[in-house]
Each structure stands twice: as C-alpha cells, then as structure tokens.
Amino acid sequence: MTIFTHTNEPSALKVAIRDDKLIVDLVDGRTIVVPFEWYPRLVHAGRKERQNWILLGNGYAIEWPDLDEHIGVEGLLAGHRSGESRKSFQRWLSLRKARS
C-alpha cells in the first residue's frame, strides 16, 4: 500500500510592524501576530531597521538584514520565540552600541 501525504509549508505573503507587534499575513489567508518581546533584536531596533525586511525563498522566512535577524514562518506558527542565547544577544548589542 502506498501512502501519499502532501504538506504545504507555511509561507509569508506580507509583513507589517505596528506598535510592539509583528504581523505576518500568510499565503493561505491566516494572519499571525506576535509581540516584539519574543525577538529582542526587533525590540532594540529603530523604526527604519524594523521596516527593512525581506522574504526569503517563497516566504518561508523573514530576514531583517540590518539586524541579522531571521524568523521562520513555521516557527512563528509553532509559537517559538527567539532561540538566540543571551550571550550571543549581548555580543550583538555591544557591537551595535559600539557602531553608534
């Protein structure tokens, strides 16, 4: 017996930034809304940096090049927060402050 399963990976269509929320519209019509506090780099970003995002591939992830932040749509749907270690984030924050 052959079993065929077809899985559609979730894909982002559009990203919006409002107040302290990340809003992602998916290709299938759903919308995900998560707080910035889940992603510390977004918390520490300026408005212009937050608005500078691109979709990777067919929308499987969102990248903020200015922040070196990548968020996978599948992870958003699963409710995963940033997996970055505190040490890594502190190093990023220190480098950011040094450039200012």
PDB file of N, CA and C in Angstrom:
ATOM      1  N   MET A   1       0.834  -1.163   0.000  1.00  0.00           N
ATOM      2  CA  MET A   1       0.000   0.000   0.000  1.00  0.00           C
ATOM      3  C   MET A   1       0.895   1.247   0.000  1.00  0.00           C
ATOM      4  N   THR A   2       0.562   2.173  -0.858  1.00  0.00           N
ATOM      5  CA  THR A   2       1.322   3.414  -0.936  1.00  0.00           C
ATOM      6  C   THR A   2       0.530   4.522  -0.255  1.00  0.00           C
ATOM      7  N   ILE A   3       1.223   5.268   0.571  1.00  0.00           N
ATOM      8  CA  ILE A   3       0.596   6.401   1.250  1.00  0.00           C
ATOM      9  C   ILE A   3       1.263   7.664   0.749  1.00  0.00           C
ATOM     10  N   PHE A   4       0.467   8.582   0.279  1.00  0.00           N
ATOM     11  CA  PHE A   4       0.985   9.848  -0.202  1.00  0.00           C
ATOM     12  C   PHE A   4       0.480  10.959   0.699  1.00  0.00           C
ATOM     13  N   THR A   5       1.399  11.702   1.228  1.00  0.00           N
ATOM     14  CA  THR A   5       0.997  12.863   2.018  1.00  0.00           C
ATOM     15  C   THR A   5       1.600  14.096   1.379  1.00  0.00           C
ATOM     16  N   HIS A   6       0.829  15.099   1.315  1.00  0.00           N
ATOM     17  CA  HIS A   6       1.284  16.360   0.739  1.00  0.00           C
ATOM     18  C   HIS A   6       1.212  17.419   1.823  1.00  0.00           C
ATOM     19  N   THR A   7       2.336  18.008   2.094  1.00  0.00           N
ATOM     20  CA  THR A   7       2.337  19.055   3.107  1.00  0.00           C
ATOM     21  C   THR A   7       2.685  20.380   2.453  1.00  0.00           C
ATOM     22  N   ASN A   8       1.909  21.358   2.767  1.00  0.00           N
ATOM     23  CA  ASN A   8       2.192  22.709   2.296  1.00  0.00           C
ATOM     24  C   ASN A   8       2.903  23.445   3.408  1.00  0.00           C
ATOM     25  N   GLU A   9       4.112  23.854   3.120  1.00  0.00           N
ATOM     26  CA  GLU A   9       4.833  24.630   4.122  1.00  0.00           C
ATOM     27  C   GLU A   9       4.216  26.011   4.199  1.00  0.00           C
ATOM     28  N   PRO A  10       4.092  26.541   5.404  1.00  0.00           N
ATOM     29  CA  PRO A  10       3.513  27.880   5.545  1.00  0.00           C
ATOM     30  C   PRO A  10       4.428  28.927   4.912  1.00  0.00           C
ATOM     31  N   SER A  11       3.825  29.888   4.237  1.00  0.00           N
ATOM     32  CA  SER A  11       4.593  30.934   3.563  1.00  0.00           C
ATOM     33  C   SER A  11       4.030  32.302   3.891  1.00  0.00           C
ATOM     34  N   ALA A  12       4.931  33.237   4.138  1.00  0.00           N
ATOM     35  CA  ALA A  12       4.528  34.618   4.396  1.00  0.00           C
ATOM     36  C   ALA A  12       4.278  35.328   3.073  1.00  0.00           C
ATOM     37  N   LEU A  13       3.302  36.185   3.086  1.00  0.00           N
ATOM     38  CA  LEU A  13       2.963  36.995   1.930  1.00  0.00           C
ATOM     39  C   LEU A  13       3.336  38.454   2.184  1.00  0.00           C
ATOM     40  N   LYS A  14       3.092  38.892   3.419  1.00  0.00           N
ATOM     41  CA  LYS A  14       3.296  40.296   3.774  1.00  0.00           C
ATOM     42  C   LYS A  14       3.647  40.393   5.250  1.00  0.00           C
ATOM     43  N   VAL A  15       4.455  41.401   5.576  1.00  0.00           N
ATOM     44  CA  VAL A  15       4.854  41.650   6.958  1.00  0.00           C
ATOM     45  C   VAL A  15       4.497  43.089   7.300  1.00  0.00           C
ATOM     46  N   ALA A  16       3.961  43.282   8.490  1.00  0.00           N
ATOM     47  CA  ALA A  16       3.655  44.632   8.958  1.00  0.00           C
ATOM     48  C   ALA A  16       4.201  44.779  10.374  1.00  0.00           C
ATOM     49  N   ILE A  17       4.588  45.991  10.684  1.00  0.00           N
ATOM     50  CA  ILE A  17       5.103  46.319  12.012  1.00  0.00           C
ATOM     51  C   ILE A  17       4.172  47.385  12.577  1.00  0.00           C
ATOM     52  N   ARG A  18       3.524  47.076  13.690  1.00  0.00           N
ATOM     53  CA  ARG A  18       2.628  48.042  14.328  1.00  0.00           C
ATOM     54  C   ARG A  18       2.867  48.036  15.823  1.00  0.00           C
ATOM     55  N   ASP A  19       3.160  49.226  16.332  1.00  0.00           N
ATOM     56  CA  ASP A  19       3.432  49.380  17.763  1.00  0.00           C
ATOM     57  C   ASP A  19       4.488  48.370  18.197  1.00  0.00           C
ATOM     58  N   ASP A  20       4.137  47.453  19.047  1.00  0.00           N
ATOM     59  CA  ASP A  20       5.101  46.463  19.530  1.00  0.00           C
ATOM     60  C   ASP A  20       4.756  45.068  19.031  1.00  0.00           C
ATOM     61  N   LYS A  21       4.163  44.990  17.832  1.00  0.00           N
ATOM     62  CA  LYS A  21       3.726  43.707  17.270  1.00  0.00           C
ATOM     63  C   LYS A  21       4.328  43.451  15.893  1.00  0.00           C
ATOM     64  N   LEU A  22       4.607  42.196  15.623  1.00  0.00           N
ATOM     65  CA  LEU A  22       4.993  41.724  14.309  1.00  0.00           C
ATOM     66  C   LEU A  22       3.774  41.021  13.739  1.00  0.00           C
ATOM     67  N   ILE A  23       3.312  41.463  12.583  1.00  0.00           N
ATOM     68  CA  ILE A  23       2.106  40.912  11.968  1.00  0.00           C
ATOM     69  C   ILE A  23       2.498  40.302  10.627  1.00  0.00           C
ATOM     70  N   VAL A  24       2.215  39.020  10.464  1.00  0.00           N
ATOM     71  CA  VAL A  24       2.607  38.310   9.251  1.00  0.00           C
ATOM     72  C   VAL A  24       1.357  37.713   8.606  1.00  0.00           C
ATOM     73  N   ASP A  25       1.076  38.152   7.380  1.00  0.00           N
ATOM     74  CA  ASP A  25      -0.021  37.576   6.597  1.00  0.00           C
ATOM     75  C   ASP A  25       0.539  36.401   5.806  1.00  0.00           C
ATOM     76  N   LEU A  26      -0.146  35.267   5.906  1.00  0.00           N
ATOM     77  CA  LEU A  26       0.293  34.061   5.214  1.00  0.00           C
ATOM     78  C   LEU A  26      -0.421  33.914   3.874  1.00  0.00           C
ATOM     79  N   VAL A  27       0.196  33.166   2.992  1.00  0.00           N
ATOM     80  CA  VAL A  27      -0.360  32.918   1.666  1.00  0.00           C
ATOM     81  C   VAL A  27      -1.740  32.255   1.759  1.00  0.00           C
ATOM     82  N   ASP A  28      -1.957  31.428   2.781  1.00  0.00           N
ATOM     83  CA  ASP A  28      -3.227  30.701   2.904  1.00  0.00           C
ATOM     84  C   ASP A  28      -4.348  31.529   3.538  1.00  0.00           C
ATOM     85  N   GLY A  29      -4.079  32.817   3.822  1.00  0.00           N
ATOM     86  CA  GLY A  29      -5.122  33.690   4.350  1.00  0.00           C
ATOM     87  C   GLY A  29      -5.071  33.924   5.850  1.00  0.00           C
ATOM     88  N   ARG A  30      -4.277  33.147   6.565  1.00  0.00           N
ATOM     89  CA  ARG A  30      -4.152  33.357   8.006  1.00  0.00           C
ATOM     90  C   ARG A  30      -3.230  34.533   8.293  1.00  0.00           C
ATOM     91  N   THR A  31      -3.379  35.084   9.507  1.00  0.00           N
ATOM     92  CA  THR A  31      -2.508  36.154   9.975  1.00  0.00           C
ATOM     93  C   THR A  31      -1.967  35.770  11.345  1.00  0.00           C
ATOM     94  N   ILE A  32      -0.666  35.952  11.516  1.00  0.00           N
ATOM     95  CA  ILE A  32      -0.006  35.676  12.792  1.00  0.00           C
ATOM     96  C   ILE A  32       0.393  37.014  13.397  1.00  0.00           C
ATOM     97  N   VAL A  33       0.117  37.187  14.684  1.00  0.00           N
ATOM     98  CA  VAL A  33       0.523  38.400  15.392  1.00  0.00           C
ATOM     99  C   VAL A  33       1.307  37.973  16.626  1.00  0.00           C
ATOM    100  N   VAL A  34       2.558  38.455  16.723  1.00  0.00           N
ATOM    101  CA  VAL A  34       3.394  38.124  17.882  1.00  0.00           C
ATOM    102  C   VAL A  34       4.024  39.401  18.427  1.00  0.00           C
ATOM    103  N   PRO A  35       4.287  39.439  19.724  1.00  0.00           N
ATOM    104  CA  PRO A  35       4.919  40.626  20.321  1.00  0.00           C
ATOM    105  C   PRO A  35       6.411  40.679  19.997  1.00  0.00           C
ATOM    106  N   PHE A  36       6.932  41.891  19.856  1.00  0.00           N
ATOM    107  CA  PHE A  36       8.363  42.076  19.622  1.00  0.00           C
ATOM    108  C   PHE A  36       9.194  41.428  20.713  1.00  0.00           C
ATOM    109  N   GLU A  37       8.683  41.416  21.932  1.00  0.00           N
ATOM    110  CA  GLU A  37       9.477  40.889  23.047  1.00  0.00           C
ATOM    111  C   GLU A  37       9.936  39.452  22.789  1.00  0.00           C
ATOM    112  N   TRP A  38       9.303  38.759  21.863  1.00  0.00           N
ATOM    113  CA  TRP A  38       9.750  37.419  21.503  1.00  0.00           C
ATOM    114  C   TRP A  38      11.072  37.458  20.756  1.00  0.00           C
ATOM    115  N   TYR A  39      11.392  38.609  20.168  1.00  0.00           N
ATOM    116  CA  TYR A  39      12.587  38.761  19.340  1.00  0.00           C
ATOM    117  C   TYR A  39      13.347  40.009  19.779  1.00  0.00           C
ATOM    118  N   PRO A  40      14.296  39.869  20.705  1.00  0.00           N
ATOM    119  CA  PRO A  40      14.986  41.013  21.297  1.00  0.00           C
ATOM    120  C   PRO A  40      15.644  41.960  20.287  1.00  0.00           C
ATOM    121  N   ARG A  41      16.112  41.439  19.168  1.00  0.00           N
ATOM    122  CA  ARG A  41      16.734  42.326  18.183  1.00  0.00           C
ATOM    123  C   ARG A  41      15.704  43.301  17.611  1.00  0.00           C
ATOM    124  N   LEU A  42      14.474  42.858  17.469  1.00  0.00           N
ATOM    125  CA  LEU A  42      13.421  43.767  16.998  1.00  0.00           C
ATOM    126  C   LEU A  42      13.092  44.808  18.067  1.00  0.00           C
ATOM    127  N   VAL A  43      13.158  44.404  19.325  1.00  0.00           N
ATOM    128  CA  VAL A  43      12.902  45.333  20.421  1.00  0.00           C
ATOM    129  C   VAL A  43      13.913  46.479  20.392  1.00  0.00           C
ATOM    130  N   HIS A  44      15.174  46.160  20.116  1.00  0.00           N
ATOM    131  CA  HIS A  44      16.244  47.151  20.150  1.00  0.00           C
ATOM    132  C   HIS A  44      16.464  47.856  18.817  1.00  0.00           C
ATOM    133  N   ALA A  45      15.662  47.541  17.831  1.00  0.00           N
ATOM    134  CA  ALA A  45      15.809  48.151  16.507  1.00  0.00           C
ATOM    135  C   ALA A  45      15.068  49.476  16.418  1.00  0.00           C
ATOM    136  N   GLY A  46      15.556  50.309  15.532  1.00  0.00           N
ATOM    137  CA  GLY A  46      14.846  51.549  15.224  1.00  0.00           C
ATOM    138  C   GLY A  46      13.733  51.271  14.231  1.00  0.00           C
ATOM    139  N   ARG A  47      12.857  52.222  14.090  1.00  0.00           N
ATOM    140  CA  ARG A  47      11.710  52.064  13.185  1.00  0.00           C
ATOM    141  C   ARG A  47      12.152  51.711  11.756  1.00  0.00           C
ATOM    142  N   LYS A  48      13.149  52.419  11.269  1.00  0.00           N
ATOM    143  CA  LYS A  48      13.638  52.198   9.902  1.00  0.00           C
ATOM    144  C   LYS A  48      14.209  50.781   9.750  1.00  0.00           C
ATOM    145  N   GLU A  49      14.938  50.315  10.754  1.00  0.00           N
ATOM    146  CA  GLU A  49      15.508  48.958  10.710  1.00  0.00           C
ATOM    147  C   GLU A  49      14.412  47.895  10.712  1.00  0.00           C
ATOM    148  N   ARG A  50      13.372  48.125  11.509  1.00  0.00           N
ATOM    149  CA  ARG A  50      12.258  47.164  11.560  1.00  0.00           C
ATOM    150  C   ARG A  50      11.522  47.082  10.226  1.00  0.00           C
ATOM    151  N   GLN A  51      11.464  48.202   9.517  1.00  0.00           N
ATOM    152  CA  GLN A  51      10.743  48.237   8.244  1.00  0.00           C
ATOM    153  C   GLN A  51      11.554  47.642   7.098  1.00  0.00           C
ATOM    154  N   ASN A  52      12.845  47.447   7.305  1.00  0.00           N
ATOM    155  CA  ASN A  52      13.715  46.904   6.262  1.00  0.00           C
ATOM    156  C   ASN A  52      13.776  45.376   6.374  1.00  0.00           C
ATOM    157  N   TRP A  53      12.765  44.722   5.852  1.00  0.00           N
ATOM    158  CA  TRP A  53      12.696  43.264   5.887  1.00  0.00           C
ATOM    159  C   TRP A  53      12.545  42.732   4.466  1.00  0.00           C
ATOM    160  N   ILE A  54      12.922  41.479   4.291  1.00  0.00           N
ATOM    161  CA  ILE A  54      12.710  40.799   3.015  1.00  0.00           C
ATOM    162  C   ILE A  54      12.214  39.389   3.304  1.00  0.00           C
ATOM    163  N   LEU A  55      11.457  38.839   2.375  1.00  0.00           N
ATOM    164  CA  LEU A  55      11.021  37.450   2.484  1.00  0.00           C
ATOM    165  C   LEU A  55      12.066  36.569   1.816  1.00  0.00           C
ATOM    166  N   LEU A  56      12.421  35.496   2.467  1.00  0.00           N
ATOM    167  CA  LEU A  56      13.381  34.550   1.909  1.00  0.00           C
ATOM    168  C   LEU A  56      12.648  33.429   1.184  1.00  0.00           C
ATOM    169  N   GLY A  57      13.254  32.957   0.109  1.00  0.00           N
ATOM    170  CA  GLY A  57      12.658  31.867  -0.654  1.00  0.00           C
ATOM    171  C   GLY A  57      11.264  32.219  -1.103  1.00  0.00           C
ATOM    172  N   ASN A  58      10.370  31.316  -0.907  1.00  0.00           N
ATOM    173  CA  ASN A  58       8.963  31.550  -1.251  1.00  0.00           C
ATOM    174  C   ASN A  58       8.194  32.056  -0.042  1.00  0.00           C
ATOM    175  N   GLY A  59       8.873  32.752   0.843  1.00  0.00           N
ATOM    176  CA  GLY A  59       8.223  33.280   2.037  1.00  0.00           C
ATOM    177  C   GLY A  59       8.335  32.362   3.234  1.00  0.00           C
ATOM    178  N   TYR A  60       9.290  31.431   3.212  1.00  0.00           N
ATOM    179  CA  TYR A  60       9.435  30.503   4.339  1.00  0.00           C
ATOM    180  C   TYR A  60      10.014  31.187   5.570  1.00  0.00           C
ATOM    181  N   ALA A  61      10.665  32.355   5.363  1.00  0.00           N
ATOM    182  CA  ALA A  61      11.257  33.085   6.489  1.00  0.00           C
ATOM    183  C   ALA A  61      11.311  34.575   6.170  1.00  0.00           C
ATOM    184  N   ILE A  62      11.479  35.365   7.231  1.00  0.00           N
ATOM    185  CA  ILE A  62      11.609  36.813   7.116  1.00  0.00           C
ATOM    186  C   ILE A  62      12.999  37.171   7.610  1.00  0.00           C
ATOM    187  N   GLU A  63      13.667  38.040   6.863  1.00  0.00           N
ATOM    188  CA  GLU A  63      15.006  38.477   7.248  1.00  0.00           C
ATOM    189  C   GLU A  63      15.027  39.990   7.407  1.00  0.00           C
ATOM    190  N   TRP A  64      15.702  40.438   8.465  1.00  0.00           N
ATOM    191  CA  TRP A  64      15.993  41.848   8.680  1.00  0.00           C
ATOM    192  C   TRP A  64      17.499  41.998   8.514  1.00  0.00           C
ATOM    193  N   PRO A  65      17.965  42.385   7.323  1.00  0.00           N
ATOM    194  CA  PRO A  65      19.413  42.440   7.066  1.00  0.00           C
ATOM    195  C   PRO A  65      20.164  43.380   8.006  1.00  0.00           C
ATOM    196  N   ASP A  66      19.560  44.498   8.369  1.00  0.00           N
ATOM    197  CA  ASP A  66      20.229  45.453   9.259  1.00  0.00           C
ATOM    198  C   ASP A  66      20.432  44.901  10.660  1.00  0.00           C
ATOM    199  N   LEU A  67      19.633  43.911  11.025  1.00  0.00           N
ATOM    200  CA  LEU A  67      19.661  43.367  12.383  1.00  0.00           C
ATOM    201  C   LEU A  67      20.261  41.964  12.445  1.00  0.00           C
ATOM    202  N   ASP A  68      20.549  41.384  11.282  1.00  0.00           N
ATOM    203  CA  ASP A  68      20.986  39.994  11.193  1.00  0.00           C
ATOM    204  C   ASP A  68      19.992  39.084  11.915  1.00  0.00           C
ATOM    205  N   GLU A  69      18.702  39.339  11.663  1.00  0.00           N
ATOM    206  CA  GLU A  69      17.608  38.574  12.284  1.00  0.00           C
ATOM    207  C   GLU A  69      16.870  37.797  11.206  1.00  0.00           C
ATOM    208  N   HIS A  70      16.613  36.537  11.482  1.00  0.00           N
ATOM    209  CA  HIS A  70      15.880  35.664  10.566  1.00  0.00           C
ATOM    210  C   HIS A  70      14.815  34.935  11.379  1.00  0.00           C
ATOM    211  N   ILE A  71      13.581  35.033  10.937  1.00  0.00           N
ATOM    212  CA  ILE A  71      12.485  34.379  11.654  1.00  0.00           C
ATOM    213  C   ILE A  71      11.740  33.487  10.666  1.00  0.00           C
ATOM    214  N   GLY A  72      11.694  32.211  10.967  1.00  0.00           N
ATOM    215  CA  GLY A  72      10.998  31.252  10.124  1.00  0.00           C
ATOM    216  C   GLY A  72       9.496  31.274  10.387  1.00  0.00           C
ATOM    217  N   VAL A  73       8.720  31.199   9.323  1.00  0.00           N
ATOM    218  CA  VAL A  73       7.266  31.215   9.444  1.00  0.00           C
ATOM    219  C   VAL A  73       6.771  29.987  10.199  1.00  0.00           C
ATOM    220  N   GLU A  74       7.365  28.862   9.946  1.00  0.00           N
ATOM    221  CA  GLU A  74       6.971  27.638  10.643  1.00  0.00           C
ATOM    222  C   GLU A  74       7.151  27.794  12.156  1.00  0.00           C
ATOM    223  N   GLY A  75       8.239  28.428  12.564  1.00  0.00           N
ATOM    224  CA  GLY A  75       8.487  28.684  13.980  1.00  0.00           C
ATOM    225  C   GLY A  75       7.466  29.641  14.580  1.00  0.00           C
ATOM    226  N   LEU A  76       7.081  30.657  13.808  1.00  0.00           N
ATOM    227  CA  LEU A  76       6.038  31.584  14.270  1.00  0.00           C
ATOM    228  C   LEU A  76       4.745  30.833  14.542  1.00  0.00           C
ATOM    229  N   LEU A  77       4.361  29.967  13.601  1.00  0.00           N
ATOM    230  CA  LEU A  77       3.125  29.188  13.770  1.00  0.00           C
ATOM    231  C   LEU A  77       3.195  28.259  14.974  1.00  0.00           C
ATOM    232  N   ALA A  78       4.385  27.764  15.249  1.00  0.00           N
ATOM    233  CA  ALA A  78       4.557  26.846  16.386  1.00  0.00           C
ATOM    234  C   ALA A  78       4.670  27.597  17.713  1.00  0.00           C
ATOM    235  N   GLY A  79       4.744  28.929  17.656  1.00  0.00           N
ATOM    236  CA  GLY A  79       4.846  29.715  18.876  1.00  0.00           C
ATOM    237  C   GLY A  79       6.246  29.795  19.446  1.00  0.00           C
ATOM    238  N   HIS A  80       7.248  29.586  18.594  1.00  0.00           N
ATOM    239  CA  HIS A  80       8.628  29.640  19.062  1.00  0.00           C
ATOM    240  C   HIS A  80       9.130  31.075  19.138  1.00  0.00           C
ATOM    241  N   ARG A  81       9.715  31.390  20.260  1.00  0.00           N
ATOM    242  CA  ARG A  81      10.365  32.695  20.442  1.00  0.00           C
ATOM    243  C   ARG A  81      11.789  32.597  19.900  1.00  0.00           C
ATOM    244  N   SER A  82      12.506  33.703  19.959  1.00  0.00           N
ATOM    245  CA  SER A  82      13.899  33.699  19.513  1.00  0.00           C
ATOM    246  C   SER A  82      14.673  32.619  20.260  1.00  0.00           C
ATOM    247  N   GLY A  83      15.482  31.899  19.529  1.00  0.00           N
ATOM    248  CA  GLY A  83      16.308  30.863  20.145  1.00  0.00           C
ATOM    249  C   GLY A  83      17.729  31.339  20.418  1.00  0.00           C
ATOM    250  N   GLU A  84      17.965  32.636  20.212  1.00  0.00           N
ATOM    251  CA  GLU A  84      19.303  33.181  20.402  1.00  0.00           C
ATOM    252  C   GLU A  84      19.695  33.140  21.879  1.00  0.00           C
ATOM    253  N   SER A  85      20.916  32.733  22.120  1.00  0.00           N
ATOM    254  CA  SER A  85      21.392  32.680  23.514  1.00  0.00           C
ATOM    255  C   SER A  85      21.587  34.098  24.046  1.00  0.00           C
ATOM    256  N   ARG A  86      21.538  34.213  25.347  1.00  0.00           N
ATOM    257  CA  ARG A  86      21.734  35.516  25.991  1.00  0.00           C
ATOM    258  C   ARG A  86      23.124  36.065  25.660  1.00  0.00           C
ATOM    259  N   LYS A  87      24.118  35.184  25.646  1.00  0.00           N
ATOM    260  CA  LYS A  87      25.487  35.588  25.355  1.00  0.00           C
ATOM    261  C   LYS A  87      25.595  36.152  23.932  1.00  0.00           C
ATOM    262  N   SER A  88      24.997  35.476  22.981  1.00  0.00           N
ATOM    263  CA  SER A  88      25.013  35.934  21.591  1.00  0.00           C
ATOM    264  C   SER A  88      24.308  37.276  21.452  1.00  0.00           C
ATOM    265  N   PHE A  89      23.165  37.409  22.115  1.00  0.00           N
ATOM    266  CA  PHE A  89      22.426  38.670  22.036  1.00  0.00           C
ATOM    267  C   PHE A  89      23.219  39.810  22.661  1.00  0.00           C
ATOM    268  N   GLN A  90      23.842  39.569  23.798  1.00  0.00           N
ATOM    269  CA  GLN A  90      24.636  40.607  24.461  1.00  0.00           C
ATOM    270  C   GLN A  90      25.815  41.041  23.584  1.00  0.00           C
ATOM    271  N   ARG A  91      26.439  40.078  22.903  1.00  0.00           N
ATOM    272  CA  ARG A  91      27.544  40.393  21.993  1.00  0.00           C
ATOM    273  C   ARG A  91      27.032  41.273  20.843  1.00  0.00           C
ATOM    274  N   TRP A  92      25.879  40.908  20.269  1.00  0.00           N
ATOM    275  CA  TRP A  92      25.267  41.705  19.196  1.00  0.00           C
ATOM    276  C   TRP A  92      24.945  43.116  19.684  1.00  0.00           C
ATOM    277  N   LEU A  93      24.372  43.210  20.871  1.00  0.00           N
ATOM    278  CA  LEU A  93      24.001  44.506  21.433  1.00  0.00           C
ATOM    279  C   LEU A  93      25.248  45.373  21.678  1.00  0.00           C
ATOM    280  N   SER A  94      26.325  44.774  22.170  1.00  0.00           N
ATOM    281  CA  SER A  94      27.569  45.515  22.400  1.00  0.00           C
ATOM    282  C   SER A  94      28.155  46.043  21.094  1.00  0.00           C
ATOM    283  N   LEU A  95      28.172  45.207  20.069  1.00  0.00           N
ATOM    284  CA  LEU A  95      28.676  45.638  18.765  1.00  0.00           C
ATOM    285  C   LEU A  95      27.823  46.749  18.185  1.00  0.00           C
ATOM    286  N   ARG A  96      26.538  46.642  18.392  1.00  0.00           N
ATOM    287  CA  ARG A  96      25.589  47.664  17.909  1.00  0.00           C
ATOM    288  C   ARG A  96      25.854  49.016  18.579  1.00  0.00           C
ATOM    289  N   LYS A  97      26.048  48.976  19.886  1.00  0.00           N
ATOM    290  CA  LYS A  97      26.310  50.211  20.631  1.00  0.00           C
ATOM    291  C   LYS A  97      27.653  50.814  20.226  1.00  0.00           C
ATOM    292  N   ALA A  98      28.648  49.966  19.951  1.00  0.00           N
ATOM    293  CA  ALA A  98      29.967  50.446  19.552  1.00  0.00           C
ATOM    294  C   ALA A  98      29.921  51.171  18.207  1.00  0.00           C
ATOM    295  N   ARG A  99      29.022  50.739  17.324  1.00  0.00           N
ATOM    296  CA  ARG A  99      28.889  51.365  15.997  1.00  0.00           C
ATOM    297  C   ARG A  99      28.151  52.682  16.043  1.00  0.00           C
ATOM    298  N   SER A 100      27.414  52.927  17.129  1.00  0.00           N
ATOM    299  CA  SER A 100      26.609  54.157  17.221  1.00  0.00           C
ATOM    300  C   SER A 100      27.428  55.376  17.523  1.00  0.00           C
TER     301      SER A 100
END
